[in-house]
Amino acid sequence: MLQKMLLFWGCIVFSFSLLNAQSRDELQKQQQQIQREINNLNSELASIKGNKKAALRAYQAVQNKIKAREKLINNIRKDVRILDETLFLNEREIYRLNKELDTLKINYAKSIVFAYKNRGSNEYLNFLFSAENFNDAIKRMAYLKSYRQNRETQAQNITKTQDLLKQITITLANNKKEKASALQSESSQLQVLEVDKKEKDQAVSQLKDQEKDITAQIIKRQKENQKLANAVKAAIRREFEEAVRKEKERLAKLKAATIEEQKREKERLDKERQDAIAKNNAKNNGNKPKPTDATTGVAVTKPFERTESVFESTKEGLTMSLNFENNKGQLPWPIDGGSVTGEFGIYKIPRSQIKVKNEGLIITSNIGSSIKCVADGEVISVQDVEEYQAILVKHGKYFTLYNRLGSVNVSKGQRVKAGTVLGKVGANFQNEGEFEFQVITEKQQYQNPRNWLKRK
């Protein structure tokens, strides 16, 4: 019984330690990833140091660095919490094992004293020969044998308990060292965070000095963006009208057909849709863990729920939509390398009138770097915007826009695959390579591209 209890508690401690080790491994991988991101931002800031024209970019880089630093600190704090839980469990286990060891030693001592007092062979012989019959003698021999085995088992349990206690004590000491190291790292990162905030204040001061010029640049860019937004809106509307026209033609032909032909056509379309859905689910969700019922723990299949669109009236359109949305958060980045210097959304520079609005991600890279399509689709527009060019690609009921290209490699109506080179990065007014990536829905709603792209 005691051996089973030791094994049971040993399994619990091991399982908890294993889970925490896995959690800590994941946290440490994230820490390394965040630290690489911070290092890249530091390199970017060093490259534009002293460049007054790049003040807005420097501010964004510092902002990103502060966010990354705060994320790193939160990550370290999670690590400390896991270590605290591990320390608490190990300390409780050491206390329990010490009590168990004391009990084992007392019981073992009693059995040794009893054996010493009855060490003469006559007592054992008298015990056997006083049996009433042969069966009783056999039982008494078995009892004596089990008594000797019990003493041996007691000694083994003491040894095993001591070994387990020693192992957990070593683990506890290592956990304490790891916690001290994590706390020291947290303290160090907090100090660096204060330096980052001072760096941000300096960037804000530079922007304040150049507020007039930067505001003029932003107004100019907003006019370009508005012109492009109108062109994108018109292109999506044309695609929508064309899709509606084709669907009306199909329905008209279907209406003119016989009842049997209508039935066969409906069955064919239903089968195509179900095949497309099943294929994409298998492709994109095959390796994902299935959800489980909270009460039974049994894997359950979540019904496939989605809003259909006229852009999905064909098998190809549906397949492209499913491929795009099922890879949300896993789409490849449109460029190798580069750094995000403008986040999605609206933000205002503190202590100034500068207000920036981005409908996508602004990515800085080398002039002439290749820009790639993020998913299978069809080029529906190649637009000239001032000195830049923009490409709009349709992915079923989703659209991606690649703006501020210096040159393009594709043409309207061309089918493209994920990874197809669409064009090259152009130069901005600071003579730096820069382009914008947007994700747009059929209802012309702009989405945060970070929610669709895989984490860098």
Protein backbone atom coordinates (compact mmCIF):
# COMPACT_ATOMS: atom_id res chain seq x y z
CA MET A 1 0.00 0.00 0.00
CA LEU A 2 2.81 2.36 0.94
CA GLN A 3 4.62 1.66 -2.32
CA LYS A 4 1.44 2.50 -4.25
CA MET A 5 1.10 5.78 -2.34
CA LEU A 6 4.73 6.68 -3.07
CA LEU A 7 4.22 5.82 -6.72
CA PHE A 8 0.97 7.84 -6.82
CA TRP A 9 2.52 10.98 -5.32
CA GLY A 10 5.62 10.55 -7.41
CA CYS A 11 3.46 10.44 -10.56
CA ILE A 12 1.58 13.58 -9.49
CA VAL A 13 4.77 15.52 -8.84
CA PHE A 14 6.33 14.26 -12.07
CA SER A 15 3.22 15.11 -14.13
CA PHE A 16 2.96 18.60 -12.64
CA SER A 17 6.68 19.18 -13.14
CA LEU A 18 6.42 17.97 -16.75
CA LEU A 19 3.48 20.27 -17.50
CA ASN A 20 5.24 23.22 -15.93
CA ALA A 21 8.45 22.37 -17.78
CA GLN A 22 6.54 22.37 -21.07
CA SER A 23 4.88 25.70 -20.19
CA ARG A 24 8.23 27.20 -19.21
CA ASP A 25 9.87 25.92 -22.40
CA GLU A 26 7.16 27.62 -24.44
CA LEU A 27 7.53 30.84 -22.45
CA GLN A 28 11.30 30.82 -22.91
CA LYS A 29 10.90 30.31 -26.68
CA GLN A 30 8.56 33.31 -26.72
CA GLN A 31 11.08 35.33 -24.72
CA GLN A 32 13.80 34.54 -27.25
CA GLN A 33 11.46 35.49 -30.09
CA ILE A 34 10.53 38.80 -28.44
CA GLN A 35 14.18 39.54 -27.71
CA ARG A 36 15.02 39.01 -31.39
CA GLU A 37 12.22 41.44 -32.27
CA ILE A 38 13.68 44.02 -29.85
CA ASN A 39 17.16 43.51 -31.31
CA ASN A 40 15.80 44.12 -34.83
CA LEU A 41 14.09 47.31 -33.67
CA ASN A 42 17.32 48.50 -32.04
CA SER A 43 19.17 47.87 -35.30
CA GLU A 44 16.51 49.81 -37.20
CA LEU A 45 16.74 52.74 -34.78
CA ALA A 46 20.53 52.74 -35.10
CA SER A 47 20.26 52.85 -38.90
CA ILE A 48 18.00 55.94 -38.89
CA LYS A 49 19.70 57.76 -36.01
CA GLY A 50 20.24 61.40 -36.94
CA ASN A 51 17.92 61.22 -39.95
CA LYS A 52 15.42 64.01 -39.27
CA LYS A 53 13.16 62.87 -42.13
CA ALA A 54 12.71 59.51 -40.44
CA ALA A 55 11.36 60.96 -37.17
CA LEU A 56 7.91 59.39 -37.58
CA ARG A 57 9.44 56.01 -38.37
CA ALA A 58 11.74 56.30 -35.34
CA TYR A 59 8.75 57.08 -33.11
CA GLN A 60 6.89 54.01 -34.39
CA ALA A 61 9.96 51.81 -33.88
CA VAL A 62 10.35 53.02 -30.29
CA GLN A 63 6.64 52.42 -29.68
CA ASN A 64 6.97 48.88 -31.02
CA LYS A 65 10.01 48.33 -28.86
CA ILE A 66 8.18 49.44 -25.71
CA LYS A 67 5.26 47.10 -26.53
CA ALA A 68 7.69 44.23 -27.11
CA ARG A 69 9.54 45.03 -23.87
CA GLU A 70 6.29 45.07 -21.87
CA LYS A 71 5.31 41.76 -23.49
CA LEU A 72 8.70 40.33 -22.49
CA ILE A 73 8.25 41.50 -18.88
CA ASN A 74 4.76 39.94 -18.71
CA ASN A 75 6.24 36.75 -20.12
CA ILE A 76 8.91 36.70 -17.40
CA ARG A 77 6.26 37.29 -14.73
CA LYS A 78 4.29 34.29 -16.02
CA ASP A 79 7.49 32.26 -15.72
CA VAL A 80 7.91 33.42 -12.11
CA ARG A 81 4.31 32.43 -11.29
CA ILE A 82 4.88 28.94 -12.69
CA LEU A 83 8.06 28.65 -10.61
CA ASP A 84 6.16 29.79 -7.49
CA GLU A 85 3.57 27.03 -8.07
CA THR A 86 6.34 24.48 -8.56
CA LEU A 87 8.16 25.62 -5.42
CA PHE A 88 4.96 25.44 -3.37
CA LEU A 89 4.17 21.91 -4.57
CA ASN A 90 7.75 20.69 -4.02
CA GLU A 91 7.89 22.19 -0.52
CA ARG A 92 4.61 20.47 0.36
CA GLU A 93 5.92 17.20 -1.05
CA ILE A 94 9.15 17.49 0.96
CA TYR A 95 7.12 18.11 4.15
CA ARG A 96 4.91 15.10 3.41
CA LEU A 97 7.87 12.85 2.62
CA ASN A 98 9.68 13.87 5.80
CA LYS A 99 6.61 12.92 7.86
CA GLU A 100 6.29 9.67 5.92
CA LEU A 101 9.97 8.93 6.47
CA ASP A 102 9.66 9.51 10.22
CA THR A 103 6.71 7.11 10.37
CA LEU A 104 8.60 4.49 8.33
CA LYS A 105 11.66 4.72 10.58
CA ILE A 106 9.56 4.38 13.77
CA ASN A 107 7.73 1.32 12.44
CA TYR A 108 10.97 -0.21 11.19
CA ALA A 109 12.64 0.39 14.57
CA LYS A 110 9.72 -1.33 16.34
CA SER A 111 10.01 -4.36 14.06
CA ILE A 112 13.78 -4.56 14.68
CA VAL A 113 13.29 -4.37 18.45
CA PHE A 114 10.63 -7.09 18.26
CA ALA A 115 12.90 -9.27 16.14
CA TYR A 116 15.79 -8.73 18.57
CA LYS A 117 13.67 -9.72 21.58
CA ASN A 118 12.56 -12.88 19.78
CA ARG A 119 15.91 -13.66 18.17
CA GLY A 120 16.26 -17.17 19.65
CA SER A 121 15.38 -20.01 17.26
CA ASN A 122 13.38 -21.78 20.01
CA GLU A 123 10.66 -19.12 19.90
CA TYR A 124 10.14 -19.65 16.18
CA LEU A 125 10.14 -23.47 16.63
CA ASN A 126 7.73 -23.26 19.58
CA PHE A 127 5.48 -21.01 17.48
CA LEU A 128 5.46 -23.62 14.68
CA PHE A 129 5.13 -26.74 16.85
CA SER A 130 2.29 -25.23 18.86
CA ALA A 131 0.13 -25.43 15.74
CA GLU A 132 -3.03 -27.48 16.16
CA ASN A 133 -2.66 -29.23 12.78
CA PHE A 134 -0.58 -29.35 9.63
CA ASN A 135 -2.58 -26.62 7.85
CA ASP A 136 -2.17 -24.33 10.84
CA ALA A 137 1.61 -24.98 10.74
CA ILE A 138 1.72 -24.04 7.03
CA LYS A 139 -0.11 -20.79 7.80
CA ARG A 140 2.33 -20.00 10.63
CA MET A 141 5.31 -20.59 8.32
CA ALA A 142 3.75 -18.28 5.72
CA TYR A 143 3.21 -15.66 8.44
CA LEU A 144 6.86 -15.81 9.53
CA LYS A 145 7.98 -15.54 5.91
CA SER A 146 5.70 -12.55 5.25
CA TYR A 147 6.93 -10.92 8.47
CA ARG A 148 10.56 -11.14 7.26
CA GLN A 149 9.50 -9.84 3.83
CA ASN A 150 7.62 -6.98 5.47
CA ARG A 151 10.82 -5.91 7.30
CA GLU A 152 12.70 -5.99 4.01
CA THR A 153 9.92 -4.00 2.32
CA GLN A 154 10.03 -1.42 5.13
CA ALA A 155 13.75 -0.98 4.60
CA GLN A 156 13.24 -0.63 0.82
CA ASN A 157 10.48 1.95 1.35
CA ILE A 158 12.75 3.98 3.59
CA THR A 159 15.46 3.93 0.92
CA LYS A 160 13.04 4.85 -1.87
CA THR A 161 11.51 7.65 0.21
CA GLN A 162 14.97 9.02 1.01
CA ASP A 163 15.94 8.92 -2.70
CA LEU A 164 12.70 10.68 -3.73
CA LEU A 165 13.19 13.25 -0.97
CA LYS A 166 16.74 13.90 -2.13
CA GLN A 167 15.63 14.28 -5.76
CA ILE A 168 12.84 16.74 -4.91
CA THR A 169 15.17 18.70 -2.61
CA ILE A 170 17.64 19.11 -5.50
CA THR A 171 14.79 20.15 -7.82
CA LEU A 172 13.60 22.67 -5.22
CA ALA A 173 17.07 24.20 -4.98
CA ASN A 174 17.27 24.48 -8.77
CA ASN A 175 13.80 26.07 -8.90
CA LYS A 176 14.87 28.67 -6.36
CA LYS A 177 17.91 29.54 -8.47
CA GLU A 178 15.75 29.78 -11.60
CA LYS A 179 13.27 32.04 -9.79
CA ALA A 180 16.07 34.31 -8.55
CA SER A 181 17.41 34.51 -12.11
CA ALA A 182 13.93 35.29 -13.51
CA LEU A 183 13.37 38.03 -10.91
CA GLN A 184 16.75 39.53 -11.73
CA SER A 185 15.87 39.44 -15.45
CA GLU A 186 12.53 41.15 -14.72
CA SER A 187 14.25 43.87 -12.73
CA SER A 188 16.76 44.41 -15.53
CA GLN A 189 14.03 44.63 -18.18
CA LEU A 190 12.07 47.14 -16.07
CA GLN A 191 15.14 49.37 -15.92
CA VAL A 192 15.63 49.12 -19.70
CA LEU A 193 11.92 49.89 -20.17
CA GLU A 194 12.44 53.22 -18.42
CA VAL A 195 15.28 53.96 -20.84
CA ASP A 196 12.97 53.06 -23.76
CA LYS A 197 10.33 55.49 -22.45
CA LYS A 198 12.91 58.28 -22.32
CA GLU A 199 13.88 57.40 -25.88
CA LYS A 200 10.20 57.70 -26.81
CA ASP A 201 10.06 61.17 -25.24
CA GLN A 202 13.03 62.19 -27.38
CA ALA A 203 11.30 60.85 -30.51
CA VAL A 204 8.16 62.82 -29.60
CA SER A 205 10.26 65.99 -29.19
CA GLN A 206 11.75 65.49 -32.66
CA LEU A 207 8.28 65.01 -34.12
CA LYS A 208 7.10 68.15 -32.34
CA ASP A 209 9.91 70.13 -33.96
CA GLN A 210 8.93 68.80 -37.40
CA GLU A 211 5.17 68.80 -36.83
CA LYS A 212 4.41 71.08 -39.76
CA ASP A 213 6.41 69.07 -42.32
CA ILE A 214 5.17 65.71 -41.02
CA THR A 215 1.54 66.88 -41.04
CA ALA A 216 1.96 67.97 -44.67
CA GLN A 217 3.39 64.53 -45.55
CA ILE A 218 0.50 62.78 -43.78
CA ILE A 219 -2.10 64.94 -45.57
CA LYS A 220 -0.45 64.14 -48.92
CA ARG A 221 -0.46 60.44 -48.14
CA GLN A 222 -4.08 60.54 -46.98
CA LYS A 223 -5.10 62.06 -50.31
CA GLU A 224 -3.24 59.27 -52.13
CA ASN A 225 -4.87 56.68 -49.88
CA GLN A 226 -8.32 58.12 -50.46
CA LYS A 227 -7.79 58.00 -54.21
CA LEU A 228 -6.67 54.39 -53.91
CA ALA A 229 -9.58 53.52 -51.58
CA ASN A 230 -12.04 54.84 -54.16
CA ALA A 231 -10.34 52.76 -56.87
CA VAL A 232 -10.45 49.64 -54.65
CA LYS A 233 -14.10 50.27 -53.83
CA ALA A 234 -14.93 50.56 -57.53
CA ALA A 235 -12.97 47.40 -58.38
CA ILE A 236 -14.71 45.34 -55.67
CA ARG A 237 -18.10 46.72 -56.77
CA ARG A 238 -17.38 45.70 -60.36
CA GLU A 239 -16.41 42.21 -59.23
CA PHE A 240 -19.56 41.98 -57.16
CA GLU A 241 -21.76 43.10 -60.06
CA GLU A 242 -20.06 40.63 -62.38
CA ALA A 243 -20.54 37.80 -59.87
CA VAL A 244 -24.23 38.75 -59.51
CA ARG A 245 -24.66 38.83 -63.30
CA LYS A 246 -23.14 35.37 -63.73
CA GLU A 247 -25.26 33.97 -60.92
CA LYS A 248 -28.43 35.42 -62.51
CA GLU A 249 -27.48 33.85 -65.83
CA ARG A 250 -26.95 30.51 -64.16
CA LEU A 251 -30.28 30.71 -62.36
CA ALA A 252 -32.06 31.74 -65.58
CA LYS A 253 -30.62 28.73 -67.41
CA LEU A 254 -31.56 26.52 -64.50
CA LYS A 255 -35.12 27.89 -64.51
CA ALA A 256 -35.47 27.11 -68.21
CA ALA A 257 -34.28 23.54 -67.70
CA THR A 258 -36.52 20.55 -66.92
CA ILE A 259 -37.26 19.58 -63.34
CA GLU A 260 -34.93 16.58 -63.67
CA GLU A 261 -32.11 18.78 -65.00
CA GLN A 262 -32.67 21.26 -62.16
CA LYS A 263 -32.43 18.44 -59.65
CA ARG A 264 -29.18 17.11 -61.17
CA GLU A 265 -27.67 20.63 -61.32
CA LYS A 266 -28.58 21.29 -57.68
CA GLU A 267 -27.08 17.97 -56.61
CA ARG A 268 -23.92 18.71 -58.60
CA LEU A 269 -23.48 22.16 -57.01
CA ASP A 270 -24.22 20.84 -53.51
CA LYS A 271 -21.66 18.09 -53.96
CA GLU A 272 -19.05 20.57 -55.25
CA ARG A 273 -19.60 22.81 -52.24
CA GLN A 274 -19.47 19.98 -49.73
CA ASP A 275 -16.35 18.54 -51.38
CA ALA A 276 -14.65 21.97 -51.29
CA ILE A 277 -15.55 22.46 -47.61
CA ALA A 278 -14.44 18.94 -46.64
CA LYS A 279 -11.16 19.27 -48.58
CA ASN A 280 -10.25 22.58 -46.98
CA ASN A 281 -11.26 21.43 -43.50
CA ALA A 282 -9.07 18.34 -43.87
CA LYS A 283 -6.16 20.38 -45.24
CA ASN A 284 -6.23 23.23 -42.75
CA ASN A 285 -7.66 21.61 -39.62
CA GLY A 286 -6.22 18.11 -39.84
CA ASN A 287 -3.38 18.80 -37.43
CA LYS A 288 -5.37 20.98 -35.03
CA PRO A 289 -6.54 19.40 -31.71
CA LYS A 290 -10.26 18.64 -31.69
CA PRO A 291 -12.37 20.50 -29.10
CA THR A 292 -13.60 18.36 -26.20
CA ASP A 293 -16.77 18.44 -24.15
CA ALA A 294 -16.15 20.11 -20.77
CA THR A 295 -18.05 17.44 -18.83
CA THR A 296 -17.23 14.22 -20.66
CA GLY A 297 -13.84 15.07 -22.15
CA VAL A 298 -14.94 13.39 -25.39
CA ALA A 299 -13.85 14.99 -28.66
CA VAL A 300 -16.70 16.81 -30.39
CA THR A 301 -17.07 18.03 -33.96
CA LYS A 302 -18.04 21.69 -34.25
CA PRO A 303 -20.48 22.30 -37.12
CA PHE A 304 -19.08 24.33 -39.99
CA GLU A 305 -20.78 27.74 -39.79
CA ARG A 306 -20.08 30.57 -42.19
CA THR A 307 -21.83 33.29 -44.19
CA GLU A 308 -22.11 32.51 -47.89
CA SER A 309 -21.36 35.13 -50.53
CA VAL A 310 -22.11 35.67 -54.20
CA PHE A 311 -18.33 35.48 -54.71
CA GLU A 312 -18.61 31.83 -53.65
CA SER A 313 -21.29 30.82 -56.17
CA THR A 314 -18.57 28.88 -58.06
CA LYS A 315 -16.46 26.04 -56.71
CA GLU A 316 -13.27 28.03 -57.40
CA GLY A 317 -14.52 31.09 -55.50
CA LEU A 318 -15.61 28.98 -52.52
CA THR A 319 -12.29 27.10 -52.44
CA MET A 320 -10.29 30.34 -52.45
CA SER A 321 -12.45 31.81 -49.65
CA LEU A 322 -12.10 28.71 -47.51
CA ASN A 323 -8.37 28.53 -48.11
CA PHE A 324 -7.96 32.16 -47.07
CA GLU A 325 -10.13 32.10 -43.93
CA ASN A 326 -8.97 28.68 -42.72
CA ASN A 327 -5.39 29.96 -42.78
CA LYS A 328 -6.19 32.99 -40.65
CA GLY A 329 -3.18 33.68 -38.44
CA GLN A 330 -1.00 31.45 -40.64
CA LEU A 331 -0.77 33.34 -43.93
CA PRO A 332 2.82 33.97 -45.07
CA TRP A 333 4.18 37.51 -44.92
CA PRO A 334 4.17 39.32 -48.27
CA ILE A 335 7.89 40.05 -48.00
CA ASP A 336 10.97 38.28 -46.67
CA GLY A 337 12.51 40.32 -43.87
CA GLY A 338 11.54 43.95 -43.50
CA SER A 339 10.05 45.57 -40.41
CA VAL A 340 6.64 47.00 -39.57
CA THR A 341 6.98 50.76 -39.22
CA GLY A 342 3.28 51.59 -39.27
CA GLU A 343 0.63 49.62 -37.41
CA PHE A 344 -2.99 49.16 -38.48
CA GLY A 345 -5.46 51.68 -37.07
CA ILE A 346 -5.44 55.25 -35.82
CA TYR A 347 -2.91 56.66 -33.40
CA LYS A 348 -2.05 60.18 -32.26
CA ILE A 349 1.42 61.40 -31.38
CA PRO A 350 1.44 62.68 -27.76
CA ARG A 351 1.86 66.45 -27.21
CA SER A 352 1.25 67.19 -30.89
CA GLN A 353 -1.49 67.53 -33.50
CA ILE A 354 -0.05 64.67 -35.57
CA LYS A 355 -2.63 61.95 -36.21
CA VAL A 356 -1.90 58.88 -38.33
CA LYS A 357 -4.43 56.46 -39.82
CA ASN A 358 -3.34 53.24 -41.50
CA GLU A 359 -5.75 50.85 -43.22
CA GLY A 360 -3.04 48.19 -43.28
CA LEU A 361 0.54 47.53 -42.20
CA ILE A 362 3.34 49.81 -43.38
CA ILE A 363 6.42 47.65 -43.93
CA THR A 364 9.90 49.05 -44.51
CA SER A 365 12.38 47.01 -46.53
CA ASN A 366 15.10 47.40 -49.12
CA ILE A 367 14.11 49.14 -52.34
CA GLY A 368 13.50 46.49 -55.00
CA SER A 369 12.66 43.69 -52.56
CA SER A 370 10.15 41.17 -53.91
CA ILE A 371 6.53 41.41 -52.75
CA LYS A 372 4.69 38.08 -52.80
CA CYS A 373 1.03 37.11 -52.83
CA VAL A 374 -0.09 35.63 -49.50
CA ALA A 375 -2.71 33.19 -50.91
CA ASP A 376 -4.11 31.76 -54.14
CA GLY A 377 -6.25 34.30 -55.99
CA GLU A 378 -6.89 36.45 -59.05
CA VAL A 379 -5.48 39.91 -59.82
CA ILE A 380 -8.50 42.16 -60.37
CA SER A 381 -6.80 45.57 -60.45
CA VAL A 382 -3.39 47.13 -61.10
CA GLN A 383 -3.70 50.78 -60.16
CA ASP A 384 -1.36 53.77 -60.57
CA VAL A 385 -1.36 56.05 -57.53
CA GLU A 386 0.88 59.10 -58.00
CA GLU A 387 4.41 57.70 -58.39
CA TYR A 388 3.46 54.28 -56.97
CA GLN A 389 1.45 51.29 -58.13
CA ALA A 390 -1.01 49.09 -56.24
CA ILE A 391 -2.24 45.53 -56.89
CA LEU A 392 -5.61 44.21 -55.68
CA VAL A 393 -5.98 40.41 -55.50
CA LYS A 394 -9.28 38.57 -54.98
CA HIS A 395 -9.38 35.44 -52.80
CA GLY A 396 -13.05 34.44 -53.08
CA LYS A 397 -14.86 36.91 -50.83
CA TYR A 398 -11.59 38.33 -49.42
CA PHE A 399 -9.18 40.81 -51.00
CA THR A 400 -5.54 41.75 -50.36
CA LEU A 401 -3.99 45.03 -51.44
CA TYR A 402 -0.28 45.57 -52.09
CA ASN A 403 0.37 49.32 -52.23
CA ARG A 404 3.36 51.59 -53.00
CA LEU A 405 5.11 49.24 -55.40
CA GLY A 406 7.91 50.56 -57.56
CA SER A 407 7.13 48.02 -60.29
CA VAL A 408 4.67 45.19 -60.95
CA ASN A 409 5.14 41.70 -62.40
CA VAL A 410 1.49 40.74 -62.96
CA SER A 411 -1.50 41.99 -64.93
CA LYS A 412 -5.24 42.24 -64.41
CA GLY A 413 -7.09 38.93 -64.74
CA GLN A 414 -3.98 36.84 -63.98
CA ARG A 415 -4.37 33.85 -61.62
CA VAL A 416 -1.72 33.82 -58.91
CA LYS A 417 -0.58 31.36 -56.25
CA ALA A 418 0.63 31.93 -52.71
CA GLY A 419 4.26 33.03 -53.09
CA THR A 420 3.84 34.50 -56.59
CA VAL A 421 6.01 37.64 -56.91
CA LEU A 422 3.63 40.51 -57.61
CA GLY A 423 6.14 43.33 -57.84
CA LYS A 424 8.98 45.22 -56.17
CA VAL A 425 9.16 47.60 -53.21
CA GLY A 426 9.28 51.26 -54.23
CA ALA A 427 11.01 54.25 -52.58
CA ASN A 428 9.15 56.69 -50.34
CA PHE A 429 9.81 60.43 -50.00
CA GLN A 430 12.72 59.65 -47.64
CA ASN A 431 14.22 57.44 -50.37
CA GLU A 432 13.61 54.33 -48.26
CA GLY A 433 11.93 51.11 -49.36
CA GLU A 434 8.37 51.01 -48.08
CA PHE A 435 5.04 49.43 -48.99
CA GLU A 436 1.63 48.80 -47.45
CA PHE A 437 -0.31 45.54 -47.09
CA GLN A 438 -4.07 45.50 -46.53
CA VAL A 439 -6.75 42.85 -46.00
CA ILE A 440 -10.29 43.81 -47.12
CA THR A 441 -13.60 41.95 -46.94
CA GLU A 442 -16.29 41.85 -49.66
CA LYS A 443 -18.16 44.53 -47.67
CA GLN A 444 -15.06 46.73 -48.02
CA GLN A 445 -14.17 46.50 -44.34
CA TYR A 446 -10.46 46.81 -43.57
CA GLN A 447 -9.02 44.12 -41.31
CA ASN A 448 -5.89 44.19 -39.17
CA PRO A 449 -3.39 42.17 -41.28
CA ARG A 450 -1.60 40.98 -38.13
CA ASN A 451 -4.67 38.86 -37.35
CA TRP A 452 -4.23 37.06 -40.66
CA LEU A 453 -0.45 36.78 -41.02
CA LYS A 454 1.60 34.26 -39.09
CA ARG A 455 3.57 35.61 -36.14
CA LYS A 456 7.02 36.71 -37.22
